[in-house]
Amino acid sequence: MNGYIHSFQSMGAADGPGLRCVVFMQGCPLRCLYCHNPDSWESSLGAVYTAREIVSRALRFKPYFGKTGGVTVSGGEPLLQAEFVCELFKLLHKEEIKTALDTSGAVSSDHIKPLLEHTDLVICDIKFPTQQQYKKYSGGNLDTVLKFLTLVQELDIPLWVRHVIVPGLTDSKDNIRQIAAIAKSFSNLKKIELLPFRKLCLSKYEQMGIEFSLADVPECPPETLKSLNETLDKLLK
């Protein structure tokens, strides 16, 4: 089976525990206002790899993974290619390499449960805390995400929740309270990470001739992130 791959990161330290080989899948159904990889949207683009080719690539870095590292599959949206990722994770487990799925959870598919059965960690980016916001700012459906997270909980897979802090959009304390409430409702939650909005993607939008609607929005300042993390810490106690 072939998969469409956007890119690789040989040794990443921000996409799960330990050092990890990160595989970025091609294709995404969402159109988030702050998306930093518009070149990953179209499913038919990207380089074609077999699962075994990716495993061979990951094995080069296995000595550096240690007890906690491994392979993270991200996107785009990896659930669009759930059957392929499932095959990849099966092969990685045969090599005793830990697996992590970095996803929005915004895709419904019969292939998701088999994939999760070979997933050691789920990292889910909850884009927005209400159905109205989710639809307006990402084009997705929050209910689909919640159903996905419920399945992850039922299978007792450790969960990390992520949320991007965009000034004027998701940087209020009330927004953080709502995100924390959703995350805490799942018993398998291990961590919540707040990520600062950045605009390193501007050149990609320009090259693709696509308007970046948040071009005039400032990046998230460190003091805002610090304050919201303090609020989050209190909510999680």
C-alpha atoms as a PDB file:
ATOM      1  CA  MET A   1       0.000   0.000   0.000  1.00  0.00           C
ATOM      2  CA  ASN A   2       1.221   3.507  -0.849  1.00  0.00           C
ATOM      3  CA  GLY A   3       0.915   6.681   1.184  1.00  0.00           C
ATOM      4  CA  TYR A   4       1.163  10.313   0.113  1.00  0.00           C
ATOM      5  CA  ILE A   5       3.808  12.065   2.195  1.00  0.00           C
ATOM      6  CA  HIS A   6       4.289  15.807   2.578  1.00  0.00           C
ATOM      7  CA  SER A   7       7.676  15.697   4.336  1.00  0.00           C
ATOM      8  CA  PHE A   8       9.820  14.149   7.047  1.00  0.00           C
ATOM      9  CA  GLN A   9      11.597  15.460  10.118  1.00  0.00           C
ATOM     10  CA  SER A  10      14.434  13.119  10.985  1.00  0.00           C
ATOM     11  CA  MET A  11      14.790  13.929  14.675  1.00  0.00           C
ATOM     12  CA  GLY A  12      12.019  16.001  16.250  1.00  0.00           C
ATOM     13  CA  ALA A  13      11.666  16.840  19.944  1.00  0.00           C
ATOM     14  CA  ALA A  14       8.291  18.634  19.870  1.00  0.00           C
ATOM     15  CA  ASP A  15       5.955  15.958  18.523  1.00  0.00           C
ATOM     16  CA  GLY A  16       5.657  13.513  21.384  1.00  0.00           C
ATOM     17  CA  PRO A  17       7.970  12.184  24.097  1.00  0.00           C
ATOM     18  CA  GLY A  18      11.693  11.779  23.505  1.00  0.00           C
ATOM     19  CA  LEU A  19      13.368  12.097  20.115  1.00  0.00           C
ATOM     20  CA  ARG A  20      11.153  11.142  17.198  1.00  0.00           C
ATOM     21  CA  CYS A  21      11.135  10.644  13.481  1.00  0.00           C
ATOM     22  CA  VAL A  22       8.129  12.657  12.270  1.00  0.00           C
ATOM     23  CA  VAL A  23       6.176  11.754   9.133  1.00  0.00           C
ATOM     24  CA  PHE A  24       3.949  14.520   7.775  1.00  0.00           C
ATOM     25  CA  MET A  25       1.122  13.095   5.678  1.00  0.00           C
ATOM     26  CA  GLN A  26      -0.337  14.882   2.665  1.00  0.00           C
ATOM     27  CA  GLY A  27      -3.971  15.994   2.623  1.00  0.00           C
ATOM     28  CA  CYS A  28      -6.238  17.800   5.082  1.00  0.00           C
ATOM     29  CA  PRO A  29     -10.018  18.384   5.110  1.00  0.00           C
ATOM     30  CA  LEU A  30      -9.761  21.495   7.310  1.00  0.00           C
ATOM     31  CA  ARG A  31      -8.935  25.048   6.305  1.00  0.00           C
ATOM     32  CA  CYS A  32      -7.915  26.581   9.622  1.00  0.00           C
ATOM     33  CA  LEU A  33      -7.360  30.340   9.575  1.00  0.00           C
ATOM     34  CA  TYR A  34      -3.889  29.913  11.096  1.00  0.00           C
ATOM     35  CA  CYS A  35      -2.748  26.857   9.102  1.00  0.00           C
ATOM     36  CA  HIS A  36       1.022  26.945   8.603  1.00  0.00           C
ATOM     37  CA  ASN A  37       1.145  24.219   5.916  1.00  0.00           C
ATOM     38  CA  PRO A  38      -1.263  25.144   3.088  1.00  0.00           C
ATOM     39  CA  ASP A  39       0.933  23.062   0.795  1.00  0.00           C
ATOM     40  CA  SER A  40      -0.298  19.972   2.668  1.00  0.00           C
ATOM     41  CA  TRP A  41      -3.998  20.494   1.879  1.00  0.00           C
ATOM     42  CA  GLU A  42      -4.365  18.607  -1.403  1.00  0.00           C
ATOM     43  CA  SER A  43      -4.435  14.837  -0.897  1.00  0.00           C
ATOM     44  CA  SER A  44      -3.143  13.881  -4.348  1.00  0.00           C
ATOM     45  CA  LEU A  45       0.105  15.815  -4.016  1.00  0.00           C
ATOM     46  CA  GLY A  46       3.225  14.790  -2.144  1.00  0.00           C
ATOM     47  CA  ALA A  47       5.776  12.024  -2.548  1.00  0.00           C
ATOM     48  CA  VAL A  48       4.627   8.399  -2.704  1.00  0.00           C
ATOM     49  CA  TYR A  49       6.091   5.922  -0.207  1.00  0.00           C
ATOM     50  CA  THR A  50       5.286   2.409   0.917  1.00  0.00           C
ATOM     51  CA  ALA A  51       4.956   1.709   4.635  1.00  0.00           C
ATOM     52  CA  ARG A  52       8.059  -0.493   4.505  1.00  0.00           C
ATOM     53  CA  GLU A  53      10.103   2.319   2.970  1.00  0.00           C
ATOM     54  CA  ILE A  54       9.170   4.596   5.864  1.00  0.00           C
ATOM     55  CA  VAL A  55      10.016   1.892   8.414  1.00  0.00           C
ATOM     56  CA  SER A  56      13.436   1.466   6.799  1.00  0.00           C
ATOM     57  CA  ARG A  57      13.949   5.205   7.123  1.00  0.00           C
ATOM     58  CA  ALA A  58      12.882   5.188  10.791  1.00  0.00           C
ATOM     59  CA  LEU A  59      15.180   2.282  11.651  1.00  0.00           C
ATOM     60  CA  ARG A  60      18.189   4.494  10.891  1.00  0.00           C
ATOM     61  CA  PHE A  61      17.242   6.616  13.890  1.00  0.00           C
ATOM     62  CA  LYS A  62      16.101   3.860  16.250  1.00  0.00           C
ATOM     63  CA  PRO A  63      19.317   3.995  18.352  1.00  0.00           C
ATOM     64  CA  TYR A  64      18.430   7.594  19.274  1.00  0.00           C
ATOM     65  CA  PHE A  65      14.827   6.919  20.305  1.00  0.00           C
ATOM     66  CA  GLY A  66      15.703   5.503  23.714  1.00  0.00           C
ATOM     67  CA  LYS A  67      12.876   4.332  25.963  1.00  0.00           C
ATOM     68  CA  THR A  68      10.399   7.112  25.144  1.00  0.00           C
ATOM     69  CA  GLY A  69      11.040   8.174  21.532  1.00  0.00           C
ATOM     70  CA  GLY A  70       9.735   6.678  18.313  1.00  0.00           C
ATOM     71  CA  VAL A  71       7.769   7.697  15.226  1.00  0.00           C
ATOM     72  CA  THR A  72       5.037  10.352  15.100  1.00  0.00           C
ATOM     73  CA  VAL A  73       2.708  10.573  12.115  1.00  0.00           C
ATOM     74  CA  SER A  74       1.315  14.073  11.640  1.00  0.00           C
ATOM     75  CA  GLY A  75      -0.080  16.105   8.756  1.00  0.00           C
ATOM     76  CA  GLY A  76      -1.860  17.478   6.965  1.00  0.00           C
ATOM     77  CA  GLU A  77      -4.327  15.088   8.516  1.00  0.00           C
ATOM     78  CA  PRO A  78      -3.131  11.477   8.945  1.00  0.00           C
ATOM     79  CA  LEU A  79      -6.663  10.141   9.474  1.00  0.00           C
ATOM     80  CA  LEU A  80      -7.344  10.761   5.762  1.00  0.00           C
ATOM     81  CA  GLN A  81      -4.872   7.917   5.146  1.00  0.00           C
ATOM     82  CA  ALA A  82      -5.785   5.872   8.208  1.00  0.00           C
ATOM     83  CA  GLU A  83      -5.467   2.486   6.494  1.00  0.00           C
ATOM     84  CA  PHE A  84      -1.935   3.297   5.332  1.00  0.00           C
ATOM     85  CA  VAL A  85      -0.906   4.664   8.750  1.00  0.00           C
ATOM     86  CA  CYS A  86      -2.325   1.520  10.365  1.00  0.00           C
ATOM     87  CA  GLU A  87      -0.089  -0.648   8.176  1.00  0.00           C
ATOM     88  CA  LEU A  88       2.874   1.590   9.016  1.00  0.00           C
ATOM     89  CA  PHE A  89       2.223   1.396  12.773  1.00  0.00           C
ATOM     90  CA  LYS A  90       1.886  -2.402  12.641  1.00  0.00           C
ATOM     91  CA  LEU A  91       5.293  -2.650  10.988  1.00  0.00           C
ATOM     92  CA  LEU A  92       6.823  -0.189  13.457  1.00  0.00           C
ATOM     93  CA  HIS A  93       5.524  -2.232  16.400  1.00  0.00           C
ATOM     94  CA  LYS A  94       7.130  -5.338  14.908  1.00  0.00           C
ATOM     95  CA  GLU A  95      10.405  -3.393  15.090  1.00  0.00           C
ATOM     96  CA  GLU A  96       9.610  -2.397  18.710  1.00  0.00           C
ATOM     97  CA  ILE A  97       9.288   1.274  17.771  1.00  0.00           C
ATOM     98  CA  LYS A  98       6.678   3.344  19.622  1.00  0.00           C
ATOM     99  CA  THR A  99       4.009   5.156  17.642  1.00  0.00           C
ATOM    100  CA  ALA A 100       2.235   8.495  18.071  1.00  0.00           C
ATOM    101  CA  LEU A 101      -0.625   9.957  16.045  1.00  0.00           C
ATOM    102  CA  ASP A 102      -0.749  13.764  15.779  1.00  0.00           C
ATOM    103  CA  THR A 103      -4.223  14.622  14.485  1.00  0.00           C
ATOM    104  CA  SER A 104      -7.150  17.030  14.547  1.00  0.00           C
ATOM    105  CA  GLY A 105      -9.534  14.097  15.009  1.00  0.00           C
ATOM    106  CA  ALA A 106     -11.746  15.742  12.398  1.00  0.00           C
ATOM    107  CA  VAL A 107     -12.181  12.708  10.130  1.00  0.00           C
ATOM    108  CA  SER A 108     -14.654   9.852  10.488  1.00  0.00           C
ATOM    109  CA  SER A 109     -13.617   6.510   8.971  1.00  0.00           C
ATOM    110  CA  ASP A 110     -14.088   2.773   9.487  1.00  0.00           C
ATOM    111  CA  HIS A 111     -10.287   2.473   9.449  1.00  0.00           C
ATOM    112  CA  ILE A 112      -9.730   4.654  12.527  1.00  0.00           C
ATOM    113  CA  LYS A 113     -10.288   2.007  15.212  1.00  0.00           C
ATOM    114  CA  PRO A 114      -7.829  -0.511  13.645  1.00  0.00           C
ATOM    115  CA  LEU A 115      -5.281   2.309  13.443  1.00  0.00           C
ATOM    116  CA  LEU A 116      -5.782   3.296  17.074  1.00  0.00           C
ATOM    117  CA  GLU A 117      -5.239  -0.313  18.155  1.00  0.00           C
ATOM    118  CA  HIS A 118      -1.618   0.135  17.008  1.00  0.00           C
ATOM    119  CA  THR A 119      -1.192   3.671  18.400  1.00  0.00           C
ATOM    120  CA  ASP A 120       0.745   4.271  21.634  1.00  0.00           C
ATOM    121  CA  LEU A 121      -0.087   7.981  21.985  1.00  0.00           C
ATOM    122  CA  VAL A 122      -2.668  10.325  20.494  1.00  0.00           C
ATOM    123  CA  ILE A 123      -1.846  14.024  20.216  1.00  0.00           C
ATOM    124  CA  CYS A 124      -5.026  15.907  19.292  1.00  0.00           C
ATOM    125  CA  ASP A 125      -5.189  19.567  18.332  1.00  0.00           C
ATOM    126  CA  ILE A 126      -8.584  20.828  19.495  1.00  0.00           C
ATOM    127  CA  LYS A 127      -8.936  23.835  17.240  1.00  0.00           C
ATOM    128  CA  PHE A 128     -11.867  25.600  18.911  1.00  0.00           C
ATOM    129  CA  PRO A 129     -14.143  24.815  21.886  1.00  0.00           C
ATOM    130  CA  THR A 130     -17.553  25.440  20.286  1.00  0.00           C
ATOM    131  CA  GLN A 131     -19.294  24.029  17.233  1.00  0.00           C
ATOM    132  CA  GLN A 132     -19.899  27.500  15.794  1.00  0.00           C
ATOM    133  CA  GLN A 133     -16.248  28.550  16.082  1.00  0.00           C
ATOM    134  CA  TYR A 134     -14.988  25.217  14.783  1.00  0.00           C
ATOM    135  CA  LYS A 135     -17.126  25.477  11.647  1.00  0.00           C
ATOM    136  CA  LYS A 136     -16.413  29.172  11.070  1.00  0.00           C
ATOM    137  CA  TYR A 137     -12.648  29.164  11.571  1.00  0.00           C
ATOM    138  CA  SER A 138     -11.624  25.684  10.418  1.00  0.00           C
ATOM    139  CA  GLY A 139     -14.479  24.352   8.297  1.00  0.00           C
ATOM    140  CA  GLY A 140     -14.738  21.247  10.476  1.00  0.00           C
ATOM    141  CA  ASN A 141     -17.162  19.635  12.912  1.00  0.00           C
ATOM    142  CA  LEU A 142     -16.430  19.590  16.634  1.00  0.00           C
ATOM    143  CA  ASP A 143     -18.789  16.640  17.155  1.00  0.00           C
ATOM    144  CA  THR A 144     -16.585  14.497  14.908  1.00  0.00           C
ATOM    145  CA  VAL A 145     -13.578  15.415  17.048  1.00  0.00           C
ATOM    146  CA  LEU A 146     -15.390  14.561  20.277  1.00  0.00           C
ATOM    147  CA  LYS A 147     -16.485  11.179  18.884  1.00  0.00           C
ATOM    148  CA  PHE A 148     -12.886  10.471  17.924  1.00  0.00           C
ATOM    149  CA  LEU A 149     -11.657  11.408  21.397  1.00  0.00           C
ATOM    150  CA  THR A 150     -14.330   9.208  22.967  1.00  0.00           C
ATOM    151  CA  LEU A 151     -13.012   6.251  20.964  1.00  0.00           C
ATOM    152  CA  VAL A 152      -9.456   7.069  22.045  1.00  0.00           C
ATOM    153  CA  GLN A 153     -10.670   7.057  25.659  1.00  0.00           C
ATOM    154  CA  GLU A 154     -12.516   3.751  25.225  1.00  0.00           C
ATOM    155  CA  LEU A 155      -9.305   2.167  23.940  1.00  0.00           C
ATOM    156  CA  ASP A 156      -7.411   3.708  26.886  1.00  0.00           C
ATOM    157  CA  ILE A 157      -4.750   5.351  24.711  1.00  0.00           C
ATOM    158  CA  PRO A 158      -2.797   8.152  26.433  1.00  0.00           C
ATOM    159  CA  LEU A 159      -3.951  11.556  25.174  1.00  0.00           C
ATOM    160  CA  TRP A 160      -2.169  14.866  24.757  1.00  0.00           C
ATOM    161  CA  VAL A 161      -4.329  17.841  23.803  1.00  0.00           C
ATOM    162  CA  ARG A 162      -2.922  20.816  21.921  1.00  0.00           C
ATOM    163  CA  HIS A 163      -4.419  24.238  21.232  1.00  0.00           C
ATOM    164  CA  VAL A 164      -3.021  27.158  19.214  1.00  0.00           C
ATOM    165  CA  ILE A 165      -3.135  30.602  20.839  1.00  0.00           C
ATOM    166  CA  VAL A 166      -4.007  33.267  18.266  1.00  0.00           C
ATOM    167  CA  PRO A 167      -4.194  36.898  19.492  1.00  0.00           C
ATOM    168  CA  GLY A 168      -7.738  38.185  19.345  1.00  0.00           C
ATOM    169  CA  LEU A 169      -9.139  34.759  18.493  1.00  0.00           C
ATOM    170  CA  THR A 170      -8.160  32.099  21.059  1.00  0.00           C
ATOM    171  CA  ASP A 171      -6.160  34.065  23.625  1.00  0.00           C
ATOM    172  CA  SER A 172      -8.876  34.712  26.211  1.00  0.00           C
ATOM    173  CA  LYS A 173      -8.965  32.993  29.599  1.00  0.00           C
ATOM    174  CA  ASP A 174     -12.550  31.960  28.919  1.00  0.00           C
ATOM    175  CA  ASN A 175     -11.410  30.144  25.795  1.00  0.00           C
ATOM    176  CA  ILE A 176      -8.761  28.292  27.808  1.00  0.00           C
ATOM    177  CA  ARG A 177     -11.377  27.318  30.399  1.00  0.00           C
ATOM    178  CA  GLN A 178     -13.550  25.833  27.664  1.00  0.00           C
ATOM    179  CA  ILE A 179     -10.654  23.925  26.086  1.00  0.00           C
ATOM    180  CA  ALA A 180      -9.581  22.631  29.514  1.00  0.00           C
ATOM    181  CA  ALA A 181     -13.138  21.515  30.287  1.00  0.00           C
ATOM    182  CA  ILE A 182     -13.305  19.501  27.069  1.00  0.00           C
ATOM    183  CA  ALA A 183      -9.866  17.954  27.609  1.00  0.00           C
ATOM    184  CA  LYS A 184     -10.507  17.102  31.272  1.00  0.00           C
ATOM    185  CA  SER A 185     -13.706  15.267  30.360  1.00  0.00           C
ATOM    186  CA  PHE A 186     -11.533  12.465  28.960  1.00  0.00           C
ATOM    187  CA  SER A 187     -10.067  10.179  31.608  1.00  0.00           C
ATOM    188  CA  ASN A 188      -7.016   9.277  29.500  1.00  0.00           C
ATOM    189  CA  LEU A 189      -5.777  12.903  29.314  1.00  0.00           C
ATOM    190  CA  LYS A 190      -2.085  13.216  30.204  1.00  0.00           C
ATOM    191  CA  LYS A 191      -1.187  16.720  29.078  1.00  0.00           C
ATOM    192  CA  ILE A 192      -2.476  19.970  27.543  1.00  0.00           C
ATOM    193  CA  GLU A 193      -0.073  22.050  25.456  1.00  0.00           C
ATOM    194  CA  LEU A 194      -0.696  25.656  24.390  1.00  0.00           C
ATOM    195  CA  LEU A 195       1.109  26.543  21.173  1.00  0.00           C
ATOM    196  CA  PRO A 196       1.872  30.136  20.122  1.00  0.00           C
ATOM    197  CA  PHE A 197       0.562  31.427  16.786  1.00  0.00           C
ATOM    198  CA  ARG A 198       3.450  32.060  14.373  1.00  0.00           C
ATOM    199  CA  LYS A 199       3.638  33.433  10.817  1.00  0.00           C
ATOM    200  CA  LEU A 200       6.558  31.511   9.322  1.00  0.00           C
ATOM    201  CA  CYS A 201       4.024  30.286   6.763  1.00  0.00           C
ATOM    202  CA  LEU A 202       3.609  33.649   5.015  1.00  0.00           C
ATOM    203  CA  SER A 203       6.046  32.826   2.198  1.00  0.00           C
ATOM    204  CA  LYS A 204       4.150  29.598   1.445  1.00  0.00           C
ATOM    205  CA  TYR A 205       0.880  31.474   1.013  1.00  0.00           C
ATOM    206  CA  GLU A 206       2.581  34.017  -1.222  1.00  0.00           C
ATOM    207  CA  GLN A 207       4.178  31.323  -3.384  1.00  0.00           C
ATOM    208  CA  MET A 208       0.836  29.539  -3.734  1.00  0.00           C
ATOM    209  CA  GLY A 209      -1.062  32.748  -4.486  1.00  0.00           C
ATOM    210  CA  ILE A 210      -3.360  32.231  -1.493  1.00  0.00           C
ATOM    211  CA  GLU A 211      -4.427  35.021   0.851  1.00  0.00           C
ATOM    212  CA  PHE A 212      -3.429  34.448   4.483  1.00  0.00           C
ATOM    213  CA  SER A 213      -6.335  36.004   6.375  1.00  0.00           C
ATOM    214  CA  LEU A 214      -4.290  36.455   9.566  1.00  0.00           C
ATOM    215  CA  ALA A 215      -1.377  38.238   7.890  1.00  0.00           C
ATOM    216  CA  ASP A 216      -1.998  41.391   9.947  1.00  0.00           C
ATOM    217  CA  VAL A 217      -2.512  39.557  13.246  1.00  0.00           C
ATOM    218  CA  PRO A 218       0.548  39.751  15.534  1.00  0.00           C
ATOM    219  CA  GLU A 219       2.274  36.584  16.661  1.00  0.00           C
ATOM    220  CA  CYS A 220       1.449  35.350  20.144  1.00  0.00           C
ATOM    221  CA  PRO A 221       3.732  37.170  22.636  1.00  0.00           C
ATOM    222  CA  PRO A 222       5.556  35.123  25.311  1.00  0.00           C
ATOM    223  CA  GLU A 223       3.821  36.956  28.162  1.00  0.00           C
ATOM    224  CA  THR A 224       0.382  35.957  26.821  1.00  0.00           C
ATOM    225  CA  LEU A 225       1.386  32.322  26.572  1.00  0.00           C
ATOM    226  CA  LYS A 226       2.872  32.443  30.088  1.00  0.00           C
ATOM    227  CA  SER A 227      -0.305  33.960  31.543  1.00  0.00           C
ATOM    228  CA  LEU A 228      -2.583  31.432  29.833  1.00  0.00           C
ATOM    229  CA  ASN A 229      -0.386  28.543  30.945  1.00  0.00           C
ATOM    230  CA  GLU A 230      -0.707  29.807  34.520  1.00  0.00           C
ATOM    231  CA  THR A 231      -4.494  29.851  34.109  1.00  0.00           C
ATOM    232  CA  LEU A 232      -4.362  26.345  32.652  1.00  0.00           C
ATOM    233  CA  ASP A 233      -2.221  25.051  35.519  1.00  0.00           C
ATOM    234  CA  LYS A 234      -4.842  26.250  38.023  1.00  0.00           C
ATOM    235  CA  LEU A 235      -7.640  24.610  36.062  1.00  0.00           C
ATOM    236  CA  LEU A 236      -5.828  21.275  35.959  1.00  0.00           C
ATOM    237  CA  LYS A 237      -5.140  21.089  39.707  1.00  0.00           C
END
